[in-house]
């Protein structure tokens, strides 16, 4: 038997955004942290040797925010814009 393998083409970003909409603030924070771990992103809290802002980079979208919640909100807005422009919806 000759098996054929087709490369998987799966863009996680739009699916992850849909998942976030089903979660509350605590769930969104946990989901973002987990997604950063799985997709080689980062979510840095302010520290003495860093800026005073939260920094979030995930799926090619980089944002900052004055708080954890603001950084996640900013990321969702920027990621939604990226998805819309990638699909021609913007």
C-alpha atoms as a PDB file:
ATOM      1  CA  UNK A   1       0.000   0.000   0.000  1.00  0.00           C
ATOM      2  CA  UNK A   2       1.347   3.366  -0.993  1.00  0.00           C
ATOM      3  CA  UNK A   3       0.362   5.994   1.605  1.00  0.00           C
ATOM      4  CA  UNK A   4       0.305   9.654   0.698  1.00  0.00           C
ATOM      5  CA  UNK A   5       0.869  12.327   3.274  1.00  0.00           C
ATOM      6  CA  UNK A   6      -0.455  15.815   2.777  1.00  0.00           C
ATOM      7  CA  UNK A   7       1.195  18.602   4.733  1.00  0.00           C
ATOM      8  CA  UNK A   8      -1.149  20.121   7.293  1.00  0.00           C
ATOM      9  CA  UNK A   9      -1.977  23.748   6.636  1.00  0.00           C
ATOM     10  CA  UNK A  10      -3.433  25.054   9.852  1.00  0.00           C
ATOM     11  CA  UNK A  11      -3.327  28.660  10.938  1.00  0.00           C
ATOM     12  CA  UNK A  12      -3.741  28.720  14.694  1.00  0.00           C
ATOM     13  CA  UNK A  13      -4.350  32.450  15.008  1.00  0.00           C
ATOM     14  CA  UNK A  14      -8.016  32.707  13.911  1.00  0.00           C
ATOM     15  CA  UNK A  15      -8.939  29.606  15.894  1.00  0.00           C
ATOM     16  CA  UNK A  16      -7.166  30.860  18.988  1.00  0.00           C
ATOM     17  CA  UNK A  17      -9.001  34.203  18.739  1.00  0.00           C
ATOM     18  CA  UNK A  18     -12.349  32.390  18.592  1.00  0.00           C
ATOM     19  CA  UNK A  19     -11.377  30.360  21.640  1.00  0.00           C
ATOM     20  CA  UNK A  20     -10.472  33.501  23.614  1.00  0.00           C
ATOM     21  CA  UNK A  21     -13.948  34.950  23.050  1.00  0.00           C
ATOM     22  CA  UNK A  22     -15.428  32.022  25.008  1.00  0.00           C
ATOM     23  CA  UNK A  23     -13.267  32.706  28.079  1.00  0.00           C
ATOM     24  CA  UNK A  24     -13.357  35.216  30.909  1.00  0.00           C
ATOM     25  CA  UNK A  25     -10.358  37.378  31.872  1.00  0.00           C
ATOM     26  CA  UNK A  26      -8.691  34.704  34.019  1.00  0.00           C
ATOM     27  CA  UNK A  27      -9.204  32.063  31.349  1.00  0.00           C
ATOM     28  CA  UNK A  28      -7.875  34.369  28.638  1.00  0.00           C
ATOM     29  CA  UNK A  29      -4.736  35.029  30.653  1.00  0.00           C
ATOM     30  CA  UNK A  30      -4.129  31.319  31.165  1.00  0.00           C
ATOM     31  CA  UNK A  31      -4.858  30.557  27.500  1.00  0.00           C
ATOM     32  CA  UNK A  32      -2.438  33.251  26.312  1.00  0.00           C
ATOM     33  CA  UNK A  33       0.317  31.950  28.584  1.00  0.00           C
ATOM     34  CA  UNK A  34      -0.244  28.377  27.371  1.00  0.00           C
ATOM     35  CA  UNK A  35      -0.334  29.461  23.718  1.00  0.00           C
ATOM     36  CA  UNK A  36       2.916  31.395  24.203  1.00  0.00           C
ATOM     37  CA  UNK A  37       4.520  28.231  25.543  1.00  0.00           C
ATOM     38  CA  UNK A  38       3.230  26.117  22.649  1.00  0.00           C
ATOM     39  CA  UNK A  39       3.839  28.609  19.833  1.00  0.00           C
ATOM     40  CA  UNK A  40       7.167  30.144  20.946  1.00  0.00           C
ATOM     41  CA  UNK A  41       5.667  33.475  21.945  1.00  0.00           C
ATOM     42  CA  UNK A  42       6.354  35.476  25.081  1.00  0.00           C
ATOM     43  CA  UNK A  43       4.351  37.311  27.709  1.00  0.00           C
ATOM     44  CA  UNK A  44       6.596  39.347  30.007  1.00  0.00           C
ATOM     45  CA  UNK A  45       5.465  41.130  33.131  1.00  0.00           C
ATOM     46  CA  UNK A  46       7.233  44.372  34.069  1.00  0.00           C
ATOM     47  CA  UNK A  47      10.421  43.834  36.039  1.00  0.00           C
ATOM     48  CA  UNK A  48      13.280  46.006  37.189  1.00  0.00           C
ATOM     49  CA  UNK A  49      15.414  45.137  34.187  1.00  0.00           C
ATOM     50  CA  UNK A  50      12.538  45.542  31.686  1.00  0.00           C
ATOM     51  CA  UNK A  51      10.185  48.325  30.713  1.00  0.00           C
ATOM     52  CA  UNK A  52       7.235  49.318  32.877  1.00  0.00           C
ATOM     53  CA  UNK A  53       4.869  47.711  30.348  1.00  0.00           C
ATOM     54  CA  UNK A  54       3.584  44.180  29.891  1.00  0.00           C
ATOM     55  CA  UNK A  55       4.915  42.772  26.605  1.00  0.00           C
ATOM     56  CA  UNK A  56       3.108  40.128  24.568  1.00  0.00           C
ATOM     57  CA  UNK A  57       4.287  38.577  21.320  1.00  0.00           C
ATOM     58  CA  UNK A  58       2.333  35.686  19.841  1.00  0.00           C
ATOM     59  CA  UNK A  59       1.690  34.454  16.291  1.00  0.00           C
ATOM     60  CA  UNK A  60       3.611  37.380  14.821  1.00  0.00           C
ATOM     61  CA  UNK A  61       1.647  40.028  16.744  1.00  0.00           C
ATOM     62  CA  UNK A  62       3.582  42.165  19.257  1.00  0.00           C
ATOM     63  CA  UNK A  63       1.871  44.557  21.689  1.00  0.00           C
ATOM     64  CA  UNK A  64       2.384  46.203  25.053  1.00  0.00           C
ATOM     65  CA  UNK A  65      -0.021  47.225  27.775  1.00  0.00           C
ATOM     66  CA  UNK A  66      -0.035  48.971  31.130  1.00  0.00           C
ATOM     67  CA  UNK A  67      -1.568  45.857  32.726  1.00  0.00           C
ATOM     68  CA  UNK A  68      -1.907  42.171  31.922  1.00  0.00           C
ATOM     69  CA  UNK A  69      -5.519  42.654  30.861  1.00  0.00           C
ATOM     70  CA  UNK A  70      -4.696  45.643  28.669  1.00  0.00           C
ATOM     71  CA  UNK A  71      -1.901  43.752  26.939  1.00  0.00           C
ATOM     72  CA  UNK A  72      -4.284  40.882  26.159  1.00  0.00           C
ATOM     73  CA  UNK A  73      -6.981  43.289  24.896  1.00  0.00           C
ATOM     74  CA  UNK A  74      -4.427  45.092  22.725  1.00  0.00           C
ATOM     75  CA  UNK A  75      -3.174  41.777  21.378  1.00  0.00           C
ATOM     76  CA  UNK A  76      -6.692  40.612  20.517  1.00  0.00           C
ATOM     77  CA  UNK A  77      -7.399  43.852  18.622  1.00  0.00           C
ATOM     78  CA  UNK A  78      -4.124  43.680  16.696  1.00  0.00           C
ATOM     79  CA  UNK A  79      -4.533  39.957  15.962  1.00  0.00           C
ATOM     80  CA  UNK A  80      -8.116  40.461  14.743  1.00  0.00           C
ATOM     81  CA  UNK A  81      -6.883  43.205  12.418  1.00  0.00           C
ATOM     82  CA  UNK A  82      -4.122  40.912  11.128  1.00  0.00           C
ATOM     83  CA  UNK A  83      -6.613  38.110  10.441  1.00  0.00           C
ATOM     84  CA  UNK A  84      -8.988  40.529   8.700  1.00  0.00           C
ATOM     85  CA  UNK A  85      -6.269  41.956   6.464  1.00  0.00           C
ATOM     86  CA  UNK A  86      -4.849  38.509   5.681  1.00  0.00           C
ATOM     87  CA  UNK A  87      -8.280  37.360   4.490  1.00  0.00           C
ATOM     88  CA  UNK A  88      -9.080  40.631   2.718  1.00  0.00           C
ATOM     89  CA  UNK A  89     -11.968  41.461   5.057  1.00  0.00           C
ATOM     90  CA  UNK A  90     -10.580  44.830   6.213  1.00  0.00           C
END
